[in-house]
Each structure stands twice: as structure tokens, then as C-alpha cells.
Amino acid sequence: MSTATSEACVQTTDLRRRFEALRGAARKADLSYRDRVDALRKLEQALLRRKDEIIQTISADFNGRAAEETLALDLFPTLNEIRYAVKNLKDWMTPRSVSLGWQFWPARARVQYQPLGAVGVLAAWNYPLFLGLAPVIGAIAAGNHVMLKPSELAPRSADLLASLIGELYSPEFVTVVTGDGKVAAEFSALPFDHLLFTGSTRVGRIVMRAASENLTPVTLELGGKSPALIHPDFAIQRAAESILAGKLFNAGQTCVAPDYVLVSENRLSEFLDTSQRIIARMYPRLVDNPDYTRIINAAHYRRLRELTDSALARGSQALEVNPASEACDETNRVFPPTLLSHVPDDADVMQEEIFGPILPIVTYNRLNEAIAYINARPHPLALYYFDDNSGRVRYLLDHTRAGGVTVNDCMFHVGQPCLPFGGVGPSGMGQYHGFDGFATFSKKKPVFLQSRFTTLGLMRPPYGATARRLLKFIIGR
């Protein structure tokens, strides 16, 4: 047996052993309300205590990421999830009485939420803290034991999560598994009681296929091409500021970043000119600017360059915004914001999720034409609409499908723990955040409580005239 094969066997054996320990502990007893709150509070305090380390570690994985982006888009939403769960957990755990039909009176019924058991989380690299811990928070709130596998593309962040979780919890309660794609494949094949994956649609299919062998239910948080639609009457300056901020956070490496813009044909030049000024104001320099995040690795950088070059070869026009004319390449991993116009629909950049600071612009003549363009494509993870007319906003919401929507801004629906987050169709299945995370990782158990005195006993065999009269009465004819 080769050394590599031997190491793989050891790794697989260790992973299975850790899973069995986790599942065994989950089956012994449910966590109390106090246990869950204490576990969440410990995580909150650890994140605050290690805030500076988190910023430095994530920045190192990216070869440079704005500290403000880590604070605003990784740390804050994670803390917000914890605090929202702690505040509402007692109410979530309380069994809910439900109304029965009069035919069943005086019986009662209720719904009770119980933990599923052992939960697996496969996290993404682009927001390693939030996308790793937000599902863990929901799973803990629901009373589960959790195994987390961070992405190997952000190895320092993965090690930090392993260190942080290892200091807080026993490995039979919450544990972190690190490793490459082979480990992730083995992870997704474990018989979890629920598995949540965040990542690409391609890998999502692989994860779902592996989980199906165990009939493991899955939540898939994928991506896709999220459009931003600007109504012709809306101020271009106002729309462009929101769209470009959303696009350029984390250098576009965000699953809900605006992937392309729909603007009326007679305002294309205005949008391009306005966008160039806004980008230059936000990022007067790129390479020597700690506010501008790098691309995660050279391979992703080359992919972005190939998308741009392919579009240009198909007749597209590119506006690359590099105000200080700095050298940007895969060695420093700084990719300039690039606006693409006149892009053919079948160009790769219009078929694949971009995941970088490239923004194609599609023109339209009538609003219904733009809506039809969106609906002709796979349902996006996010949809952004810019319009101050409430009637048109309602029309847009009623006539499109998307995982989530923000009106007159970008991405803010994702950071609300009171709103569910999840895709639809190719952009994902299932949802979490806040109560929806608690519900996703719970069994919603129906309970029917029969009364000592019930007329339903009259409908048991042998059937007679009384049963027939009673059935006629409750049916209504």
C-alpha cells in the first residue's frame, strides 16, 4: 500500500470515528434550553475576544482583505445570528398549540420542535466565518451536535475555526474537520441527520448525490447569476452606488453579489460614466489600497481573466477601472473592476456565476422585456430592483422567482436573521438564518392529544346506524 493510500485510509477512519462519537453523544440526551444558550454565549464571547486574530487570518487567506469587510460581512452577521437566537430561543422551543377541526373536539394538538441529532456543515471559503458558523449557530439552537468542514481554499481560516471550536466545546458536541476535497467527499457521504452545503451548483450536485445514499436530507446554498434591474425612471447615480458597493465587496466574491445589471438602452452610457466615477472615488488605488480585497488564489484569478478575454473575443466592450494605472496580475491577485457591455447572451460570462469584480451590463427597452429576460434564466439566489413606484415593485415581486430580494439596495436581505436565506431551483434548496435555521435543523413533530371522552370511538367497527349518521353529519351530506 502506498503512503498516500495509507494516509487516506487513516484520514477516513478518523473521520468516521469522530462522526460516530458525535452521533453517539447526540442520541443520549437532548440539550436543554440553558445548555444551548450557554453554548451560544460562549461562542459570542470567543469571537469578540479573538476579533483581531480573525481579521488578520482571513486577510492572510486572501492575500489582503479589508478589515472593515471582515467586520461588517463576516463577524457582525455571525454575532447578530447568535444574539437573535439567544433572544428568541425560549419562544422557538415552546410547543405551539394548533387548532383542530370541530369534528375532533375536545381533543387537542400541538407542534413540538426536537433536534435532529448529528448535523454536518460543509462551508464555503468566501466568508469563512459567517458561512461556517451561521449554520452551526442554527444547529446548536435546535439542540443538535455538529460537525463542520471549512473550505480548504481558506486554510488559515479553517485552522482558526478548528482552534476556536476546539477550545469551546467537546468534540462529541461540536467539532471541526479540516482537509482537502477528498475529505469533503468522505464528509458528505457520512450518514448525518441533516447536511448543509454552501458552494457551487456543480459541487452541490455531488454533495446531494452522496447524501442520497444515506437518505440524508440536505440544504443546498448555491449561487447563480443574481440580476440588478434599474427602472428607467430611477436615478442612475443612486442605483450605481448600491450596485457597485454590493459588487465590489470582497472583490465580487460573494454568492449574492449583483452578477449582471439590466439598464434601459438609452441610459447605458450614463450608467458606464457614472460607474467609472463611483469606482474611482471608492478605490482611487487598487494595489496599494487595503480597502480593495484580493482574489482568493491564482486559479480563480486566471478564470476571471479568461471570462473577460472570451467576452472581448465575442465583440464585447470592456471598461476596466484602474484609476492609478497599477500593475494588476495573478501574482498580486488584484483584479480591476471591469464593466462589460454588448455581451452576447451565450458568452461564458453570461452563463457562469462570475464570483469576481466583473459586471456585465444588459440593455432593455421595456420593463416587461427585462422581467422576461430574468425569467428565461435559472432562478437566481438574489434579485435587486431599483424603483420608487410601489405598484411596479409589487408587480416585479409577483412576476419573478428568486431566493431573496432587496429593493433599492443590494444584499441587505441576507444579513437579517428575521428573514429566511436560501435559494430556489438551481440556486439552492432549503433555508436557514434565525428561526428558519432552528426549524431546518429540527424535527417539527405533530402531537395529537385525545380526550377521555370522544365521539370518534363511535366510528369503530362494527359499523352501524350510529356511525353512518355521525359520518353523514361531519361530512355534511
Protein backbone atom coordinates (compact mmCIF):
# COMPACT_ATOMS: atom_id res chain seq x y z
CA MET A 1 0.00 0.00 0.00
CA SER A 2 1.38 3.42 -0.97
CA THR A 3 1.99 6.12 1.62
CA ALA A 4 -0.72 8.34 0.09
CA THR A 5 -3.25 5.48 0.17
CA SER A 6 -2.30 4.65 3.77
CA GLU A 7 -2.76 8.29 4.85
CA ALA A 8 -6.14 8.45 3.09
CA CYS A 9 -7.30 5.31 4.92
CA VAL A 10 -6.21 6.74 8.27
CA GLN A 11 -7.96 10.02 7.47
CA THR A 12 -11.18 8.24 6.51
CA THR A 13 -11.06 6.04 9.61
CA ASP A 14 -10.52 9.06 11.87
CA LEU A 15 -13.38 10.94 10.22
CA ARG A 16 -15.74 8.01 10.72
CA ARG A 17 -14.60 7.59 14.34
CA ARG A 18 -15.23 11.26 15.09
CA PHE A 19 -18.64 11.08 13.45
CA GLU A 20 -19.66 8.01 15.44
CA ALA A 21 -18.65 9.75 18.67
CA LEU A 22 -20.69 12.79 17.69
CA ARG A 23 -23.74 10.75 16.71
CA GLY A 24 -23.49 8.60 19.84
CA ALA A 25 -23.49 11.68 22.07
CA ALA A 26 -26.42 13.19 20.15
CA ARG A 27 -28.53 10.11 20.83
CA LYS A 28 -28.03 10.11 24.60
CA ALA A 29 -29.99 13.18 25.66
CA ASP A 30 -31.39 16.41 24.23
CA LEU A 31 -29.75 19.69 25.14
CA SER A 32 -31.75 21.88 27.49
CA TYR A 33 -32.60 25.49 26.81
CA ARG A 34 -29.84 26.57 29.22
CA ASP A 35 -27.28 24.28 27.56
CA ARG A 36 -27.99 25.83 24.18
CA VAL A 37 -27.89 29.40 25.39
CA ASP A 38 -24.64 28.82 27.26
CA ALA A 39 -23.05 27.25 24.18
CA LEU A 40 -24.07 30.20 22.01
CA ARG A 41 -22.90 32.76 24.56
CA LYS A 42 -19.50 31.06 24.77
CA LEU A 43 -19.14 31.35 21.02
CA GLU A 44 -20.12 35.02 21.08
CA GLN A 45 -17.50 35.86 23.70
CA ALA A 46 -14.79 33.88 21.90
CA LEU A 47 -15.46 35.71 18.64
CA LEU A 48 -15.20 39.08 20.36
CA ARG A 49 -12.07 38.05 22.20
CA ARG A 50 -10.35 36.87 19.01
CA LYS A 51 -11.66 39.61 16.73
CA ASP A 52 -8.24 40.93 15.68
CA GLU A 53 -6.95 37.42 15.02
CA ILE A 54 -9.99 36.72 12.84
CA ILE A 55 -9.34 39.84 10.77
CA GLN A 56 -5.67 39.01 10.27
CA THR A 57 -6.27 35.35 9.48
CA ILE A 58 -8.94 35.94 6.84
CA SER A 59 -6.86 38.71 5.27
CA ALA A 60 -3.90 36.32 5.03
CA ASP A 61 -6.00 33.76 3.16
CA PHE A 62 -6.98 36.41 0.62
CA ASN A 63 -3.50 37.93 0.43
CA GLY A 64 -5.25 41.10 1.54
CA ARG A 65 -8.86 41.73 2.54
CA ALA A 66 -10.28 44.90 4.01
CA ALA A 67 -10.63 44.66 7.78
CA GLU A 68 -13.91 46.55 7.53
CA GLU A 69 -15.33 43.89 5.21
CA THR A 70 -14.44 41.12 7.63
CA LEU A 71 -16.03 43.06 10.48
CA ALA A 72 -19.17 44.03 8.55
CA LEU A 73 -19.73 40.92 6.43
CA ASP A 74 -18.24 38.08 8.47
CA LEU A 75 -18.09 38.97 12.17
CA PHE A 76 -21.15 41.20 12.60
CA PRO A 77 -23.71 38.91 10.92
CA THR A 78 -22.33 35.94 12.87
CA LEU A 79 -22.72 37.80 16.18
CA ASN A 80 -26.13 39.01 15.06
CA GLU A 81 -27.23 35.40 14.44
CA ILE A 82 -26.10 34.40 17.93
CA ARG A 83 -27.80 37.30 19.67
CA TYR A 84 -31.04 36.86 17.74
CA ALA A 85 -31.12 33.14 18.56
CA VAL A 86 -30.45 33.71 22.26
CA LYS A 87 -33.15 36.37 22.43
CA ASN A 88 -35.81 34.21 20.78
CA LEU A 89 -34.82 30.65 21.64
CA LYS A 90 -37.22 30.15 24.54
CA ASP A 91 -40.14 31.09 22.31
CA TRP A 92 -38.88 28.85 19.48
CA MET A 93 -38.60 25.85 21.80
CA THR A 94 -42.07 26.29 23.31
CA PRO A 95 -44.55 23.78 21.83
CA ARG A 96 -47.17 25.53 19.71
CA SER A 97 -50.83 24.74 20.16
CA VAL A 98 -52.75 24.35 16.91
CA SER A 99 -56.47 24.40 16.25
CA LEU A 100 -58.29 21.20 15.41
CA GLY A 101 -61.48 20.88 13.42
CA TRP A 102 -64.65 20.85 15.46
CA GLN A 103 -65.15 17.20 14.49
CA PHE A 104 -62.28 16.20 16.82
CA TRP A 105 -63.36 18.24 19.87
CA PRO A 106 -62.44 18.03 22.77
CA ALA A 107 -59.06 16.63 21.63
CA ARG A 108 -56.06 18.95 21.43
CA ALA A 109 -52.98 19.21 19.23
CA ARG A 110 -49.61 20.87 19.27
CA VAL A 111 -46.35 21.06 17.34
CA GLN A 112 -43.08 20.36 19.11
CA TYR A 113 -39.59 21.08 17.73
CA GLN A 114 -36.95 18.48 18.52
CA PRO A 115 -33.28 18.25 17.46
CA LEU A 116 -32.47 16.01 14.52
CA GLY A 117 -29.27 14.66 16.08
CA ALA A 118 -25.92 14.82 14.25
CA VAL A 119 -25.68 17.65 11.71
CA GLY A 120 -22.98 18.22 9.07
CA VAL A 121 -21.97 21.61 7.65
CA LEU A 122 -19.81 21.98 4.53
CA ALA A 123 -18.83 25.66 4.39
CA ALA A 124 -17.51 27.95 1.66
CA TRP A 125 -14.29 29.98 1.59
CA ASN A 126 -15.50 33.44 0.58
CA TYR A 127 -16.93 34.36 4.01
CA PRO A 128 -15.26 31.66 6.09
CA LEU A 129 -16.53 32.83 9.47
CA PHE A 130 -20.16 33.63 8.67
CA LEU A 131 -20.78 30.81 6.19
CA GLY A 132 -19.10 28.38 8.55
CA LEU A 133 -20.69 29.42 11.83
CA ALA A 134 -24.18 30.66 10.88
CA PRO A 135 -25.42 27.10 10.19
CA VAL A 136 -23.64 25.87 13.33
CA ILE A 137 -25.49 28.51 15.35
CA GLY A 138 -28.85 27.36 13.97
CA ALA A 139 -27.97 23.73 14.62
CA ILE A 140 -26.90 24.41 18.22
CA ALA A 141 -30.03 26.48 18.84
CA ALA A 142 -32.07 23.49 17.67
CA GLY A 143 -30.16 21.25 20.13
CA ASN A 144 -28.01 19.28 17.69
CA HIS A 145 -24.43 18.07 17.73
CA VAL A 146 -22.45 19.47 14.80
CA MET A 147 -19.51 18.58 12.57
CA LEU A 148 -18.13 21.45 10.46
CA LYS A 149 -15.87 21.11 7.41
CA PRO A 150 -14.50 24.54 6.33
CA SER A 151 -13.18 25.04 2.80
CA GLU A 152 -9.60 24.09 2.09
CA LEU A 153 -9.28 27.19 -0.14
CA ALA A 154 -9.05 29.31 3.02
CA PRO A 155 -6.76 27.04 5.09
CA ARG A 156 -5.75 29.58 7.74
CA SER A 157 -9.37 30.41 8.43
CA ALA A 158 -10.18 26.70 8.61
CA ASP A 159 -7.44 26.18 11.19
CA LEU A 160 -8.68 29.17 13.16
CA LEU A 161 -12.21 27.74 13.26
CA ALA A 162 -10.81 24.39 14.39
CA SER A 163 -8.85 26.11 17.16
CA LEU A 164 -11.75 28.28 18.26
CA ILE A 165 -14.33 25.46 18.33
CA GLY A 166 -11.85 23.08 19.95
CA GLU A 167 -11.34 25.47 22.86
CA LEU A 168 -15.07 25.93 23.44
CA TYR A 169 -16.70 22.54 23.04
CA SER A 170 -16.07 18.84 23.48
CA PRO A 171 -15.50 17.07 20.13
CA GLU A 172 -18.64 15.00 20.77
CA PHE A 173 -20.70 18.22 20.75
CA VAL A 174 -19.18 20.45 18.05
CA THR A 175 -16.09 19.53 16.06
CA VAL A 176 -14.24 20.91 13.03
CA VAL A 177 -12.73 18.72 10.33
CA THR A 178 -10.07 20.20 8.05
CA GLY A 179 -8.64 18.79 4.86
CA ASP A 180 -8.85 18.75 1.08
CA GLY A 181 -11.57 17.83 -1.39
CA LYS A 182 -11.19 14.12 -0.63
CA VAL A 183 -12.04 14.80 3.00
CA ALA A 184 -15.05 16.83 1.87
CA ALA A 185 -16.21 13.92 -0.30
CA GLU A 186 -15.92 11.49 2.63
CA PHE A 187 -17.66 14.03 4.85
CA SER A 188 -20.68 14.33 2.54
CA ALA A 189 -21.03 10.53 2.46
CA LEU A 190 -21.45 10.26 6.26
CA PRO A 191 -24.97 9.39 7.46
CA PHE A 192 -25.78 12.74 9.04
CA ASP A 193 -29.30 13.54 10.20
CA HIS A 194 -29.04 16.71 8.10
CA LEU A 195 -26.34 18.15 5.84
CA LEU A 196 -25.96 21.79 4.83
CA PHE A 197 -23.65 22.71 1.96
CA THR A 198 -22.64 26.17 0.76
CA GLY A 199 -20.82 26.39 -2.55
CA SER A 200 -21.15 25.97 -6.30
CA THR A 201 -24.02 24.29 -8.11
CA ARG A 202 -21.60 21.77 -9.62
CA VAL A 203 -20.30 20.62 -6.23
CA GLY A 204 -23.81 20.84 -4.78
CA ARG A 205 -24.92 18.09 -7.16
CA ILE A 206 -22.04 15.88 -5.98
CA VAL A 207 -22.87 16.51 -2.32
CA MET A 208 -26.56 15.76 -2.86
CA ARG A 209 -25.73 12.56 -4.73
CA ALA A 210 -23.51 11.35 -1.88
CA ALA A 211 -26.08 12.29 0.77
CA SER A 212 -28.83 10.45 -1.09
CA GLU A 213 -27.09 7.12 -0.43
CA ASN A 214 -27.95 7.61 3.26
CA LEU A 215 -31.26 9.38 2.63
CA THR A 216 -29.70 12.35 4.39
CA PRO A 217 -31.82 15.49 3.94
CA VAL A 218 -29.82 18.39 2.54
CA THR A 219 -29.92 22.15 2.49
CA LEU A 220 -28.02 23.50 -0.52
CA GLU A 221 -26.96 27.14 -0.52
CA LEU A 222 -25.64 27.62 -4.03
CA GLY A 223 -25.41 30.72 -6.20
CA GLY A 224 -26.13 31.64 -9.77
CA LYS A 225 -26.45 34.87 -11.65
CA SER A 226 -28.20 37.44 -9.48
CA PRO A 227 -29.56 40.35 -11.56
CA ALA A 228 -29.88 44.02 -10.64
CA LEU A 229 -32.70 45.70 -12.58
CA ILE A 230 -32.86 49.51 -12.77
CA HIS A 231 -36.18 51.04 -13.81
CA PRO A 232 -35.78 53.80 -16.44
CA ASP A 233 -37.19 56.41 -14.04
CA PHE A 234 -34.76 55.59 -11.21
CA ALA A 235 -31.71 57.80 -10.57
CA ILE A 236 -28.65 56.14 -12.11
CA GLN A 237 -26.29 57.64 -9.52
CA ARG A 238 -28.28 56.20 -6.64
CA ALA A 239 -28.62 52.76 -8.22
CA ALA A 240 -24.99 52.55 -9.35
CA GLU A 241 -23.67 53.39 -5.88
CA SER A 242 -25.59 50.49 -4.34
CA ILE A 243 -24.87 48.03 -7.14
CA LEU A 244 -21.14 48.74 -7.24
CA ALA A 245 -20.78 48.56 -3.48
CA GLY A 246 -22.54 45.19 -3.50
CA LYS A 247 -20.49 44.02 -6.45
CA LEU A 248 -17.10 45.10 -5.13
CA PHE A 249 -17.44 43.97 -1.52
CA ASN A 250 -14.92 41.13 -1.18
CA ALA A 251 -13.90 41.86 -4.80
CA GLY A 252 -17.14 40.34 -6.03
CA GLN A 253 -16.51 37.00 -4.30
CA THR A 254 -19.99 36.91 -2.80
CA CYS A 255 -22.76 34.48 -3.71
CA VAL A 256 -25.38 37.25 -3.65
CA ALA A 257 -23.28 39.91 -5.40
CA PRO A 258 -25.04 41.52 -8.38
CA ASP A 259 -23.91 39.32 -11.27
CA TYR A 260 -25.24 41.49 -14.09
CA VAL A 261 -27.16 44.75 -14.47
CA LEU A 262 -30.24 45.42 -16.57
CA VAL A 263 -30.44 49.08 -17.62
CA SER A 264 -32.59 50.79 -20.25
CA GLU A 265 -30.77 51.09 -23.55
CA ASN A 266 -30.88 54.89 -23.69
CA ARG A 267 -29.11 55.11 -20.29
CA LEU A 268 -26.22 52.72 -20.92
CA SER A 269 -23.64 55.48 -21.45
CA GLU A 270 -24.85 57.30 -18.35
CA PHE A 271 -24.50 54.12 -16.29
CA LEU A 272 -20.98 53.46 -17.56
CA ASP A 273 -19.79 57.03 -16.99
CA THR A 274 -21.38 57.22 -13.55
CA SER A 275 -19.99 53.84 -12.53
CA GLN A 276 -16.47 54.79 -13.56
CA ARG A 277 -16.60 57.89 -11.36
CA ILE A 278 -18.04 55.97 -8.40
CA ILE A 279 -15.41 53.23 -8.59
CA ALA A 280 -12.59 55.77 -8.83
CA ARG A 281 -13.95 57.52 -5.75
CA MET A 282 -14.31 54.30 -3.75
CA TYR A 283 -10.93 52.90 -4.85
CA PRO A 284 -8.53 55.65 -6.04
CA ARG A 285 -5.86 52.95 -5.92
CA LEU A 286 -6.17 49.18 -6.17
CA VAL A 287 -2.83 47.51 -5.44
CA ASP A 288 -1.80 49.88 -2.66
CA ASN A 289 -5.24 50.04 -1.12
CA PRO A 290 -6.17 47.95 1.96
CA ASP A 291 -9.85 48.58 1.18
CA TYR A 292 -9.73 46.53 -2.04
CA THR A 293 -9.82 42.78 -1.48
CA ARG A 294 -7.73 40.32 -3.48
CA ILE A 295 -8.90 37.26 -5.41
CA ILE A 296 -8.62 34.11 -3.30
CA ASN A 297 -5.98 32.37 -5.46
CA ALA A 298 -4.21 32.43 -8.82
CA ALA A 299 -6.50 29.81 -10.37
CA HIS A 300 -9.60 31.91 -9.65
CA TYR A 301 -7.77 34.97 -10.99
CA ARG A 302 -7.00 33.20 -14.27
CA ARG A 303 -10.62 32.12 -14.57
CA LEU A 304 -11.78 35.73 -14.28
CA ARG A 305 -9.27 36.85 -16.89
CA GLU A 306 -10.44 34.08 -19.23
CA LEU A 307 -14.08 35.15 -18.78
CA THR A 308 -13.17 38.72 -19.72
CA ASP A 309 -10.97 37.76 -22.66
CA SER A 310 -13.60 35.38 -24.01
CA ALA A 311 -16.26 38.11 -23.88
CA LEU A 312 -13.97 40.57 -25.65
CA ALA A 313 -13.28 38.00 -28.37
CA ARG A 314 -17.05 37.76 -28.88
CA GLY A 315 -17.37 41.51 -29.51
CA SER A 316 -17.99 42.83 -26.01
CA GLN A 317 -16.63 46.17 -24.86
CA ALA A 318 -14.76 46.42 -21.57
CA LEU A 319 -14.33 49.41 -19.28
CA GLU A 320 -11.54 48.49 -16.86
CA VAL A 321 -11.35 50.93 -13.96
CA ASN A 322 -7.79 51.21 -12.65
CA PRO A 323 -7.50 54.85 -11.54
CA ALA A 324 -3.78 54.76 -10.67
CA SER A 325 -2.84 52.57 -13.67
CA GLU A 326 -1.23 50.00 -11.39
CA ALA A 327 0.04 46.58 -12.45
CA CYS A 328 -2.69 44.07 -11.60
CA ASP A 329 -1.99 40.39 -12.22
CA GLU A 330 -2.25 36.94 -10.66
CA THR A 331 0.91 37.45 -8.61
CA ASN A 332 -0.68 40.19 -6.50
CA ARG A 333 -4.19 38.82 -7.19
CA VAL A 334 -5.64 42.31 -7.67
CA PHE A 335 -8.33 42.19 -10.36
CA PRO A 336 -9.51 45.62 -11.57
CA PRO A 337 -13.24 46.37 -11.57
CA THR A 338 -14.38 45.68 -15.12
CA LEU A 339 -17.66 46.72 -16.75
CA LEU A 340 -18.68 44.73 -19.83
CA SER A 341 -21.24 45.96 -22.35
CA HIS A 342 -22.67 44.47 -25.56
CA VAL A 343 -22.07 40.96 -24.23
CA PRO A 344 -23.63 38.08 -26.22
CA ASP A 345 -26.08 36.05 -24.15
CA ASP A 346 -24.19 32.84 -24.86
CA ALA A 347 -20.81 34.21 -23.73
CA ASP A 348 -19.30 32.32 -20.79
CA VAL A 349 -19.52 35.40 -18.58
CA MET A 350 -23.31 35.37 -19.07
CA GLN A 351 -23.62 31.63 -18.44
CA GLU A 352 -21.44 31.13 -15.35
CA GLU A 353 -21.60 32.74 -11.93
CA ILE A 354 -18.78 35.30 -12.10
CA PHE A 355 -17.62 35.49 -8.48
CA GLY A 356 -15.32 38.44 -9.11
CA PRO A 357 -15.31 42.18 -9.91
CA ILE A 358 -16.62 41.81 -13.46
CA LEU A 359 -20.03 43.35 -14.14
CA PRO A 360 -21.83 42.69 -17.45
CA ILE A 361 -24.50 45.20 -18.44
CA VAL A 362 -27.59 44.11 -20.39
CA THR A 363 -29.82 46.70 -22.03
CA TYR A 364 -33.59 46.57 -22.47
CA ASN A 365 -36.34 48.78 -23.92
CA ARG A 366 -39.41 47.91 -21.82
CA LEU A 367 -39.75 46.71 -18.23
CA ASN A 368 -41.63 43.55 -19.23
CA GLU A 369 -38.77 42.74 -21.59
CA ALA A 370 -36.32 42.90 -18.69
CA ILE A 371 -38.56 40.75 -16.48
CA ALA A 372 -38.87 38.19 -19.28
CA TYR A 373 -35.07 38.16 -19.62
CA ILE A 374 -34.71 37.33 -15.91
CA ASN A 375 -37.44 34.69 -16.00
CA ALA A 376 -35.94 32.97 -19.04
CA ARG A 377 -32.88 32.08 -16.94
CA PRO A 378 -32.43 29.83 -13.89
CA HIS A 379 -33.94 31.30 -10.73
CA PRO A 380 -31.25 33.46 -9.06
CA LEU A 381 -30.19 33.38 -5.44
CA ALA A 382 -30.86 37.14 -5.18
CA LEU A 383 -32.70 39.77 -7.18
CA TYR A 384 -32.23 43.53 -6.88
CA TYR A 385 -34.78 46.02 -8.17
CA PHE A 386 -34.42 49.79 -8.20
CA ASP A 387 -37.73 51.65 -8.42
CA ASP A 388 -39.62 54.06 -6.14
CA ASN A 389 -43.01 53.10 -7.56
CA SER A 390 -44.65 50.71 -5.09
CA GLY A 391 -47.06 49.32 -7.68
CA ARG A 392 -44.26 48.35 -10.04
CA VAL A 393 -42.29 46.88 -7.13
CA ARG A 394 -45.27 44.65 -6.25
CA TYR A 395 -45.58 43.64 -9.91
CA LEU A 396 -41.89 42.70 -10.07
CA LEU A 397 -42.13 40.67 -6.85
CA ASP A 398 -45.24 38.87 -8.10
CA HIS A 399 -43.81 38.05 -11.53
CA THR A 400 -40.30 36.80 -10.71
CA ARG A 401 -38.78 33.98 -8.68
CA ALA A 402 -35.62 34.40 -6.61
CA GLY A 403 -34.09 33.15 -3.39
CA GLY A 404 -34.38 36.63 -1.88
CA VAL A 405 -34.93 40.25 -2.89
CA THR A 406 -33.60 43.62 -1.83
CA VAL A 407 -35.38 46.66 -3.24
CA ASN A 408 -33.37 49.85 -3.87
CA ASP A 409 -30.17 48.38 -2.49
CA CYS A 410 -28.11 45.20 -2.62
CA MET A 411 -27.51 42.23 -0.32
CA PHE A 412 -29.13 43.59 2.85
CA HIS A 413 -31.82 40.89 2.96
CA VAL A 414 -29.09 38.31 3.65
CA GLY A 415 -27.95 39.86 6.92
CA GLN A 416 -31.38 39.84 8.57
CA PRO A 417 -31.80 36.89 10.98
CA CYS A 418 -35.55 37.56 10.93
CA LEU A 419 -35.62 36.64 7.21
CA PRO A 420 -35.01 33.17 5.75
CA PHE A 421 -31.98 32.80 3.48
CA GLY A 422 -31.92 30.21 0.71
CA GLY A 423 -32.11 29.63 -3.00
CA VAL A 424 -34.75 28.28 -5.33
CA GLY A 425 -34.20 25.72 -8.06
CA PRO A 426 -30.60 25.80 -9.34
CA SER A 427 -29.65 28.43 -6.73
CA GLY A 428 -30.37 26.05 -3.88
CA MET A 429 -32.93 24.33 -1.72
CA GLY A 430 -33.95 24.83 1.88
CA GLN A 431 -33.25 27.86 4.02
CA TYR A 432 -31.75 28.97 7.29
CA HIS A 433 -30.90 32.04 9.45
CA GLY A 434 -32.81 32.86 12.61
CA PHE A 435 -35.94 30.81 13.23
CA ASP A 436 -35.62 29.18 9.82
CA GLY A 437 -32.21 27.82 10.81
CA PHE A 438 -33.70 26.49 14.04
CA ALA A 439 -36.56 24.90 12.06
CA THR A 440 -34.27 23.44 9.37
CA PHE A 441 -32.24 21.57 11.99
CA SER A 442 -35.32 20.44 13.93
CA LYS A 443 -37.97 17.79 13.54
CA LYS A 444 -41.30 19.55 13.57
CA LYS A 445 -43.19 16.85 15.46
CA PRO A 446 -47.00 16.85 15.41
CA VAL A 447 -48.70 15.69 18.62
CA PHE A 448 -52.40 14.77 18.86
CA LEU A 449 -53.82 14.53 22.40
CA GLN A 450 -57.05 12.54 22.53
CA SER A 451 -59.62 13.33 25.21
CA ARG A 452 -61.02 10.66 27.51
CA PHE A 453 -64.45 11.49 26.12
CA THR A 454 -64.64 11.43 22.32
CA THR A 455 -67.37 10.67 19.80
CA LEU A 456 -64.76 9.33 17.37
CA GLY A 457 -64.95 5.99 19.14
CA LEU A 458 -68.44 5.58 17.66
CA MET A 459 -66.87 5.17 14.21
CA ARG A 460 -65.03 1.94 15.02
CA PRO A 461 -66.15 -1.41 13.64
CA PRO A 462 -68.58 -2.99 13.64
CA TYR A 463 -70.22 -0.11 11.75
CA GLY A 464 -73.86 0.56 12.43
CA ALA A 465 -76.52 3.20 12.07
CA THR A 466 -74.85 5.49 14.65
CA ALA A 467 -71.58 5.51 12.74
CA ARG A 468 -73.38 6.19 9.47
CA ARG A 469 -75.36 9.10 11.00
CA LEU A 470 -72.20 10.54 12.53
CA LEU A 471 -70.28 10.31 9.24
CA LYS A 472 -73.16 11.93 7.38
CA PHE A 473 -73.20 14.75 9.93
CA ILE A 474 -69.46 15.52 9.84
CA ILE A 475 -69.21 15.18 6.04
CA GLY A 476 -72.18 17.49 5.57
CA ARG A 477 -74.38 15.44 3.18
